[in-house]
Amino acid sequence: MIPADLVVANLAEIATLDRGPIPRTGRALSELGRIPDGALAVRAGRVVWVGPRRRLGGSVRLLPGGHRIDGAGGVLVPGFVDAHTHAVFAGDRAFELPLKIAGAQYSEIARAGGGLFATVRATRRASDRELLVAAQARLRRMAAYGTTSVEVKSGYALDHDGELRLLRLLPRLARRSGVGIVPTYLGAHAVPPEFARRPDAYVDRIVRRTLPEVAREGLARFCDVFCEPGFFTAPQSERILRAAATLGLGTKIHADEFVLSGGARLAARLGVRSADHLLATSARDRTLLARAGVTAVLLPLTAFAAAPRRASPGREMVDAGVPVALGTDCSPNSWVESMPLVLAHAVHGGRLTPAEALSAATVNAAHASGLASAGRLRPGLPADFAIFDVPSTDHLGYRFDAIPTGVYRQGKSISPP
């Protein structure tokens, strides 16, 4: 008998996501490892048994003082991994909406005091405490929707000391929120006003000063770059990413969000871990991404909120053989905290099936975030899971308003009381 300190039973279905390659592509995206009428057992924060409920009694012994959770006929899935967020920032940009609705371009919004630099100004002014309190509240709300791990980028300071400050806050934020955090350095989010006429000098500073310190202190797992006209060119992006890789950091890239920038092609050539956004990526470049095994992190609600709205290329990416992951893009420009809502938009807008969307939000998002033990449920892996009061996993992606009844990371509840 396997001893356990936590048992979850009376479930209509468990999706283990434990069958198939990592990351999933093509038909493998639809393989969820479903266990009808399933049960799960946990000890010391790790899964020790998962299988049909009829075998639970003969396989698992609940230890004295252990807990049994009634799944109430719902479904249990791995905790969502949010593969792309900018969750540490100050202020908001709600005032921009009327301008966007009226058709204002980004440059016009910036001249009116909005845009990314409005958030940079607010974030630079905010104290550590203010940033921690605001970001902790966001992560707690993310957890309430079933997210157990989050990739968090810097990028709203755009100077050496400020970017390091944001990254140094992330371990404290992880402890306070209970959510796992993957830190990403995004000093190349935009060229700061101080370097407006000297973008190459800003790239020099990133490569020669900031990236070495990020690597030396172990402040980030990844380095990301916004490769887009008006932000960073493909050659500038390549220089930053190659420097990061030399220092042992993983690499990511914001690519082809507004126009065909060459970012996806660069991602394929460098073999980065993920290329994100990809709204303007060509069919040829999708083929290159597939051949290189680069994961496409799609952000369907950012596309929905864009002016004008654009469709997330989920179906096109899957059909091209690209591994697809999902993220909220939580930021002042796209303030989204609910991964179930992201799944629904990936299905209804990006034309993924519910099963494909669930794989993209768990095992593939974990791969995009460098988390080898997240996004799946099997003995020996962390007990990160969410329970939903729905009759099958197909309702995740079908419904827009799915909210978990319980969310657990390493076997402990992290959803608000």
Protein backbone atom coordinates (compact mmCIF):
# COMPACT_ATOMS: atom_id res chain seq x y z
CA MET A 1 0.00 0.00 0.00
CA ILE A 2 1.23 3.47 -0.89
CA PRO A 3 1.06 5.96 2.01
CA ALA A 4 -0.49 9.33 1.22
CA ASP A 5 -1.31 12.50 3.13
CA LEU A 6 -3.81 13.78 0.55
CA VAL A 7 -6.33 11.92 -1.62
CA VAL A 8 -8.67 13.39 -4.24
CA ALA A 9 -11.48 11.14 -5.43
CA ASN A 10 -15.04 11.21 -6.81
CA LEU A 11 -13.88 12.81 -10.05
CA ALA A 12 -15.57 12.42 -13.40
CA GLU A 13 -12.20 12.64 -15.09
CA ILE A 14 -8.50 13.32 -14.58
CA ALA A 15 -6.33 14.62 -17.40
CA THR A 16 -2.75 13.60 -16.57
CA LEU A 17 -1.08 14.97 -19.74
CA ASP A 18 1.48 12.23 -19.13
CA ARG A 19 1.44 10.52 -22.53
CA GLY A 20 3.31 11.72 -25.55
CA PRO A 21 6.36 13.78 -26.44
CA ILE A 22 7.38 17.08 -24.87
CA PRO A 23 6.50 19.47 -26.34
CA ARG A 24 3.38 18.17 -28.06
CA THR A 25 2.76 18.82 -31.74
CA GLY A 26 0.07 17.80 -34.21
CA ARG A 27 -2.16 14.96 -33.09
CA ALA A 28 -0.20 14.50 -29.87
CA LEU A 29 -1.68 17.79 -28.64
CA SER A 30 -5.04 16.05 -28.27
CA GLU A 31 -3.72 13.22 -26.09
CA LEU A 32 -4.63 14.23 -22.53
CA GLY A 33 -4.04 10.94 -20.71
CA ARG A 34 -7.65 10.92 -19.51
CA ILE A 35 -8.65 8.69 -16.60
CA PRO A 36 -12.45 8.42 -16.25
CA ASP A 37 -13.72 8.15 -12.67
CA GLY A 38 -10.18 8.82 -11.49
CA ALA A 39 -8.42 9.46 -8.19
CA LEU A 40 -5.12 11.06 -7.16
CA ALA A 41 -2.90 10.51 -4.12
CA VAL A 42 -0.20 12.87 -2.81
CA ARG A 43 2.52 12.67 -0.19
CA ALA A 44 4.93 15.43 0.83
CA GLY A 45 3.84 17.60 -2.07
CA ARG A 46 4.34 15.02 -4.81
CA VAL A 47 2.01 12.71 -6.67
CA VAL A 48 2.43 9.13 -5.47
CA TRP A 49 -0.47 7.45 -7.28
CA VAL A 50 -3.00 8.29 -9.99
CA GLY A 51 -5.51 5.93 -11.51
CA PRO A 52 -9.10 4.67 -11.61
CA ARG A 53 -11.02 5.16 -8.38
CA ARG A 54 -11.92 1.46 -8.21
CA ARG A 55 -8.22 0.72 -7.57
CA LEU A 56 -7.67 3.44 -4.98
CA GLY A 57 -8.66 1.40 -1.91
CA GLY A 58 -6.33 -1.47 -2.79
CA SER A 59 -3.42 0.76 -3.71
CA VAL A 60 -3.31 3.74 -1.33
CA ARG A 61 -3.40 4.11 2.45
CA LEU A 62 -4.33 7.54 3.81
CA LEU A 63 -2.02 8.38 6.70
CA PRO A 64 -3.39 9.49 10.08
CA GLY A 65 -4.10 13.19 9.90
CA GLY A 66 -4.28 13.06 6.11
CA HIS A 67 -6.99 14.77 4.08
CA ARG A 68 -9.50 13.47 1.57
CA ILE A 69 -10.97 15.87 -1.00
CA ASP A 70 -14.32 15.14 -2.61
CA GLY A 71 -14.03 16.05 -6.29
CA ALA A 72 -17.84 16.28 -6.46
CA GLY A 73 -17.99 14.75 -9.91
CA GLY A 74 -15.72 17.40 -11.46
CA VAL A 75 -12.46 17.17 -13.36
CA LEU A 76 -8.86 17.45 -12.20
CA VAL A 77 -6.15 18.83 -14.48
CA PRO A 78 -2.52 19.87 -14.03
CA GLY A 79 -2.14 23.41 -12.77
CA PHE A 80 -1.95 25.86 -15.64
CA VAL A 81 1.43 27.27 -16.59
CA ASP A 82 1.12 30.86 -17.80
CA ALA A 83 3.96 31.08 -20.31
CA HIS A 84 4.04 34.85 -20.88
CA THR A 85 3.35 37.65 -18.39
CA HIS A 86 4.56 41.12 -17.47
CA ALA A 87 3.01 40.83 -14.03
CA VAL A 88 5.22 43.30 -12.11
CA PHE A 89 4.22 46.87 -12.91
CA ALA A 90 2.63 49.96 -11.38
CA GLY A 91 -0.41 51.92 -12.49
CA ASP A 92 -2.81 51.20 -15.31
CA ARG A 93 -3.62 52.45 -18.79
CA ALA A 94 -7.41 52.38 -18.78
CA PHE A 95 -7.48 55.92 -20.14
CA GLU A 96 -6.08 54.63 -23.44
CA LEU A 97 -9.19 52.64 -24.32
CA PRO A 98 -11.26 55.50 -25.75
CA LEU A 99 -8.25 56.48 -27.87
CA LYS A 100 -7.83 52.92 -29.16
CA ILE A 101 -11.53 52.60 -29.89
CA ALA A 102 -11.38 55.84 -31.84
CA GLY A 103 -8.60 54.36 -33.97
CA ALA A 104 -5.57 56.13 -32.50
CA GLN A 105 -2.21 54.64 -33.43
CA TYR A 106 0.42 53.73 -30.85
CA SER A 107 2.43 56.87 -31.58
CA GLU A 108 -0.63 59.05 -30.98
CA ILE A 109 -1.36 57.31 -27.68
CA ALA A 110 2.26 57.80 -26.63
CA ARG A 111 2.06 61.53 -27.41
CA ALA A 112 -1.05 61.68 -25.23
CA GLY A 113 1.00 60.31 -22.30
CA GLY A 114 0.13 56.64 -22.72
CA GLY A 115 1.78 53.55 -24.07
CA LEU A 116 4.57 51.46 -22.60
CA PHE A 117 6.49 54.47 -21.34
CA ALA A 118 3.56 55.51 -19.15
CA THR A 119 4.00 52.20 -17.32
CA VAL A 120 7.76 52.69 -17.21
CA ARG A 121 7.31 56.06 -15.51
CA ALA A 122 4.86 54.64 -12.97
CA THR A 123 7.00 51.58 -12.26
CA ARG A 124 10.17 53.60 -11.79
CA ARG A 125 8.35 55.79 -9.22
CA ALA A 126 6.80 52.89 -7.29
CA SER A 127 8.42 51.54 -4.13
CA ASP A 128 9.36 47.89 -3.70
CA ARG A 129 6.45 47.48 -1.32
CA GLU A 130 3.96 48.97 -3.79
CA LEU A 131 5.18 46.69 -6.56
CA LEU A 132 5.09 43.60 -4.35
CA VAL A 133 1.60 44.28 -3.02
CA ALA A 134 0.16 44.89 -6.49
CA ALA A 135 1.89 41.93 -8.13
CA GLN A 136 1.04 39.58 -5.26
CA ALA A 137 -2.64 40.43 -5.66
CA ARG A 138 -2.42 39.67 -9.38
CA LEU A 139 -0.75 36.33 -8.81
CA ARG A 140 -3.26 35.37 -6.16
CA ARG A 141 -6.05 36.05 -8.63
CA MET A 142 -4.21 34.02 -11.26
CA ALA A 143 -4.01 31.16 -8.77
CA ALA A 144 -7.74 31.42 -8.12
CA TYR A 145 -8.24 30.63 -11.83
CA GLY A 146 -6.03 27.52 -11.70
CA THR A 147 -2.54 28.82 -12.50
CA THR A 148 0.25 27.28 -10.42
CA SER A 149 3.33 28.49 -12.36
CA VAL A 150 3.94 31.81 -14.10
CA GLU A 151 6.68 33.17 -16.32
CA VAL A 152 7.26 36.79 -15.23
CA LYS A 153 9.26 39.26 -17.30
CA SER A 154 10.95 42.43 -16.21
CA GLY A 155 10.86 45.26 -18.73
CA TYR A 156 9.08 48.21 -17.14
CA ALA A 157 12.16 49.95 -15.78
CA LEU A 158 14.41 49.99 -18.87
CA ASP A 159 17.53 50.94 -16.98
CA HIS A 160 20.24 48.86 -15.39
CA ASP A 161 19.39 49.31 -11.71
CA GLY A 162 15.63 49.30 -12.26
CA GLU A 163 15.57 46.07 -14.23
CA LEU A 164 17.71 44.33 -11.62
CA ARG A 165 15.38 45.64 -8.92
CA LEU A 166 12.37 44.08 -10.62
CA LEU A 167 14.10 40.72 -10.99
CA ARG A 168 15.25 40.76 -7.35
CA LEU A 169 11.64 41.16 -6.23
CA LEU A 170 10.52 37.93 -7.89
CA PRO A 171 11.74 35.40 -5.28
CA ARG A 172 9.89 37.35 -2.56
CA LEU A 173 6.84 37.49 -4.76
CA ALA A 174 6.91 33.72 -5.28
CA ARG A 175 7.11 33.09 -1.53
CA ARG A 176 4.28 35.49 -0.75
CA SER A 177 1.92 34.29 -3.46
CA GLY A 178 2.59 30.56 -3.35
CA VAL A 179 2.82 30.52 -7.16
CA GLY A 180 5.94 29.25 -8.90
CA ILE A 181 7.72 31.98 -10.87
CA VAL A 182 10.06 31.66 -13.84
CA PRO A 183 12.01 34.96 -14.09
CA THR A 184 12.80 36.43 -17.50
CA TYR A 185 14.98 39.48 -18.17
CA LEU A 186 13.32 41.82 -20.70
CA GLY A 187 15.44 44.92 -20.55
CA ALA A 188 15.03 44.98 -24.33
CA HIS A 189 11.29 45.67 -24.04
CA ALA A 190 11.79 49.07 -25.67
CA VAL A 191 14.51 51.64 -26.13
CA PRO A 192 14.18 53.99 -23.12
CA PRO A 193 13.70 57.72 -23.69
CA GLU A 194 17.23 58.40 -22.44
CA PHE A 195 18.59 56.41 -25.41
CA ALA A 196 15.95 57.36 -27.98
CA ARG A 197 18.56 58.53 -30.50
CA ARG A 198 21.18 55.96 -29.45
CA PRO A 199 19.52 52.54 -29.53
CA ASP A 200 22.78 50.73 -30.25
CA ALA A 201 24.30 52.31 -27.13
CA TYR A 202 21.42 50.87 -25.10
CA VAL A 203 22.05 47.45 -26.63
CA ASP A 204 25.72 47.85 -25.69
CA ARG A 205 24.73 48.52 -22.09
CA ILE A 206 22.51 45.46 -21.97
CA VAL A 207 25.17 43.18 -23.47
CA ARG A 208 28.22 44.50 -21.61
CA ARG A 209 26.80 45.44 -18.22
CA THR A 210 23.31 44.22 -17.38
CA LEU A 211 23.24 40.70 -18.83
CA PRO A 212 26.52 39.69 -17.13
CA GLU A 213 25.15 40.86 -13.78
CA VAL A 214 21.83 39.09 -14.34
CA ALA A 215 23.72 35.89 -15.06
CA ARG A 216 26.21 36.34 -12.21
CA GLU A 217 23.42 36.80 -9.63
CA GLY A 218 21.19 34.10 -11.15
CA LEU A 219 18.33 36.59 -11.42
CA ALA A 220 16.71 35.15 -14.55
CA ARG A 221 16.23 31.87 -16.36
CA PHE A 222 15.64 33.53 -19.72
CA CYS A 223 16.39 36.65 -21.73
CA ASP A 224 13.67 38.03 -23.99
CA VAL A 225 13.74 40.73 -26.70
CA PHE A 226 10.94 42.71 -28.39
CA CYS A 227 11.90 42.36 -32.07
CA GLU A 228 9.65 44.78 -33.92
CA PRO A 229 10.03 48.02 -35.92
CA GLY A 230 10.31 50.91 -33.48
CA PHE A 231 11.65 48.59 -30.76
CA PHE A 232 14.63 46.38 -31.64
CA THR A 233 15.80 45.32 -35.08
CA ALA A 234 16.57 41.71 -35.92
CA PRO A 235 20.36 42.36 -35.79
CA GLN A 236 20.07 44.12 -32.42
CA SER A 237 17.86 41.30 -31.12
CA GLU A 238 20.32 38.69 -32.33
CA ARG A 239 23.20 40.41 -30.58
CA ILE A 240 21.35 40.46 -27.27
CA LEU A 241 20.13 36.86 -27.53
CA ARG A 242 23.54 35.52 -28.50
CA ALA A 243 25.13 37.34 -25.57
CA ALA A 244 22.51 35.89 -23.22
CA ALA A 245 23.05 32.37 -24.53
CA THR A 246 26.81 32.72 -24.08
CA LEU A 247 26.14 33.56 -20.42
CA GLY A 248 24.00 30.45 -19.96
CA LEU A 249 20.56 32.07 -20.13
CA GLY A 250 17.73 30.60 -22.12
CA THR A 251 16.37 32.76 -24.90
CA LYS A 252 12.93 33.97 -25.98
CA ILE A 253 11.69 36.56 -28.43
CA HIS A 254 8.62 38.76 -28.94
CA ALA A 255 8.20 38.30 -32.69
CA ASP A 256 5.94 39.46 -35.51
CA GLU A 257 3.29 40.99 -33.26
CA PHE A 258 2.49 43.94 -35.53
CA VAL A 259 4.28 43.22 -38.81
CA LEU A 260 6.47 40.54 -40.32
CA SER A 261 9.60 41.72 -38.51
CA GLY A 262 11.96 38.82 -39.13
CA GLY A 263 11.60 37.83 -35.49
CA ALA A 264 10.18 34.37 -36.15
CA ARG A 265 12.87 33.67 -38.72
CA LEU A 266 15.53 34.77 -36.22
CA ALA A 267 13.93 32.57 -33.56
CA ALA A 268 14.17 29.55 -35.83
CA ARG A 269 17.75 30.28 -36.79
CA LEU A 270 18.88 30.70 -33.18
CA GLY A 271 16.75 27.85 -31.84
CA VAL A 272 15.27 29.92 -29.02
CA ARG A 273 13.02 28.30 -26.41
CA SER A 274 9.96 30.25 -27.51
CA ALA A 275 8.76 32.88 -29.96
CA ASP A 276 5.75 34.81 -28.67
CA HIS A 277 2.81 36.69 -30.26
CA LEU A 278 3.45 35.75 -33.95
CA LEU A 279 0.29 37.44 -35.25
CA ALA A 280 1.95 38.46 -38.52
CA THR A 281 4.15 35.39 -39.06
CA SER A 282 4.12 33.98 -42.60
CA ALA A 283 3.41 30.39 -43.59
CA ARG A 284 7.07 30.01 -44.60
CA ASP A 285 8.25 31.17 -41.18
CA ARG A 286 5.79 28.85 -39.42
CA THR A 287 7.48 26.01 -41.30
CA LEU A 288 10.88 27.23 -40.10
CA LEU A 289 9.65 27.36 -36.49
CA ALA A 290 8.36 23.80 -36.78
CA ARG A 291 11.63 22.50 -38.20
CA ALA A 292 13.61 24.24 -35.45
CA GLY A 293 11.30 22.96 -32.68
CA VAL A 294 10.66 26.48 -31.40
CA THR A 295 7.54 26.72 -29.25
CA ALA A 296 5.03 29.37 -30.29
CA VAL A 297 3.59 31.08 -27.22
CA LEU A 298 0.25 32.46 -28.36
CA LEU A 299 -1.59 35.23 -26.53
CA PRO A 300 -5.14 35.13 -27.90
CA LEU A 301 -6.58 37.77 -25.59
CA THR A 302 -3.91 40.27 -26.59
CA ALA A 303 -4.95 39.71 -30.20
CA PHE A 304 -8.60 40.15 -29.18
CA ALA A 305 -7.84 43.42 -27.37
CA ALA A 306 -5.71 44.82 -30.19
CA ALA A 307 -6.93 47.68 -32.32
CA PRO A 308 -7.94 46.43 -34.81
CA ARG A 309 -8.63 42.96 -33.45
CA ARG A 310 -6.71 40.08 -34.95
CA ALA A 311 -7.17 36.35 -34.79
CA SER A 312 -4.63 34.30 -32.85
CA PRO A 313 -2.97 31.88 -35.33
CA GLY A 314 -3.55 28.75 -33.25
CA ARG A 315 -4.90 26.49 -35.99
CA GLU A 316 -2.29 27.64 -38.46
CA MET A 317 0.54 26.93 -36.02
CA VAL A 318 -0.73 23.47 -35.06
CA ASP A 319 -1.35 22.48 -38.68
CA ALA A 320 2.20 23.60 -39.55
CA GLY A 321 3.62 21.29 -36.87
CA VAL A 322 4.71 24.07 -34.49
CA PRO A 323 4.53 23.28 -30.74
CA VAL A 324 1.98 25.71 -29.31
CA ALA A 325 1.76 27.11 -25.76
CA LEU A 326 -0.53 29.73 -24.23
CA GLY A 327 -0.14 32.73 -21.94
CA THR A 328 -2.19 35.62 -20.63
CA ASP A 329 0.28 38.42 -21.50
CA CYS A 330 -0.88 39.98 -18.21
CA SER A 331 0.22 43.63 -18.45
CA PRO A 332 -1.30 47.11 -18.36
CA ASN A 333 -1.89 46.78 -22.12
CA SER A 334 -3.59 43.38 -21.85
CA TRP A 335 -4.76 42.97 -18.27
CA VAL A 336 -5.72 39.31 -18.21
CA GLU A 337 -5.35 37.02 -15.20
CA SER A 338 -7.58 34.06 -16.12
CA MET A 339 -6.05 31.15 -18.00
CA PRO A 340 -9.49 29.50 -18.51
CA LEU A 341 -10.49 32.65 -20.39
CA VAL A 342 -7.32 32.33 -22.48
CA LEU A 343 -8.22 28.71 -23.29
CA ALA A 344 -11.71 29.77 -24.37
CA HIS A 345 -10.34 32.42 -26.72
CA ALA A 346 -7.75 29.98 -28.08
CA VAL A 347 -10.65 27.66 -28.93
CA HIS A 348 -13.31 30.09 -30.13
CA GLY A 349 -10.93 32.59 -31.75
CA GLY A 350 -7.77 30.62 -32.53
CA ARG A 351 -9.65 27.45 -33.57
CA LEU A 352 -7.80 25.04 -31.31
CA THR A 353 -9.81 22.13 -29.97
CA PRO A 354 -10.40 22.12 -26.19
CA ALA A 355 -7.91 19.25 -25.83
CA GLU A 356 -5.26 21.10 -27.84
CA ALA A 357 -5.78 24.24 -25.77
CA LEU A 358 -5.43 22.30 -22.50
CA SER A 359 -2.15 20.76 -23.69
CA ALA A 360 -0.95 24.20 -24.77
CA ALA A 361 -1.74 25.63 -21.31
CA THR A 362 -0.06 22.84 -19.35
CA VAL A 363 2.65 20.56 -20.71
CA ASN A 364 3.63 22.80 -23.65
CA ALA A 365 3.52 25.99 -21.58
CA ALA A 366 5.74 24.25 -19.02
CA HIS A 367 8.21 23.39 -21.77
CA ALA A 368 8.18 26.98 -23.05
CA SER A 369 8.95 28.12 -19.48
CA GLY A 370 11.73 25.62 -18.90
CA LEU A 371 9.75 23.66 -16.28
CA ALA A 372 10.47 19.98 -16.80
CA SER A 373 8.29 18.80 -13.90
CA ALA A 374 5.22 21.03 -14.38
CA GLY A 375 2.15 20.64 -16.58
CA ARG A 376 1.77 16.88 -16.02
CA LEU A 377 0.56 14.52 -13.30
CA ARG A 378 2.47 11.31 -12.61
CA PRO A 379 4.07 9.69 -9.58
CA GLY A 380 7.17 11.59 -8.53
CA LEU A 381 6.15 14.94 -10.01
CA PRO A 382 4.92 17.91 -7.94
CA ALA A 383 1.24 17.80 -7.06
CA ASP A 384 0.24 20.95 -8.93
CA PHE A 385 -3.40 20.65 -9.96
CA ALA A 386 -6.77 22.35 -10.23
CA ILE A 387 -10.25 20.92 -9.75
CA PHE A 388 -13.13 22.25 -11.85
CA ASP A 389 -16.85 21.70 -11.32
CA VAL A 390 -17.45 20.68 -14.94
CA PRO A 391 -18.44 17.26 -16.35
CA SER A 392 -15.44 16.83 -18.66
CA THR A 393 -12.19 18.47 -19.70
CA ASP A 394 -13.88 19.49 -22.96
CA HIS A 395 -15.70 22.17 -20.96
CA LEU A 396 -12.35 23.93 -20.42
CA GLY A 397 -12.16 25.93 -23.61
CA TYR A 398 -15.87 25.49 -24.30
CA ARG A 399 -16.84 27.71 -21.35
CA PHE A 400 -15.55 31.24 -20.91
CA ASP A 401 -16.16 31.42 -17.16
CA ALA A 402 -14.71 28.21 -15.70
CA ILE A 403 -13.46 28.80 -12.14
CA PRO A 404 -11.76 26.06 -10.08
CA THR A 405 -13.19 24.80 -6.81
CA GLY A 406 -9.64 24.11 -5.61
CA VAL A 407 -6.08 24.87 -6.72
CA TYR A 408 -3.05 23.11 -5.24
CA ARG A 409 0.67 23.60 -5.69
CA GLN A 410 2.94 20.92 -4.27
CA GLY A 411 -0.10 19.50 -2.53
CA LYS A 412 -1.03 22.73 -0.71
CA SER A 413 -3.99 24.96 -1.45
CA ILE A 414 -2.98 28.26 -3.04
CA SER A 415 -6.41 29.53 -4.09
CA PRO A 416 -7.85 32.31 -1.92
CA PRO A 417 -10.18 31.19 0.88
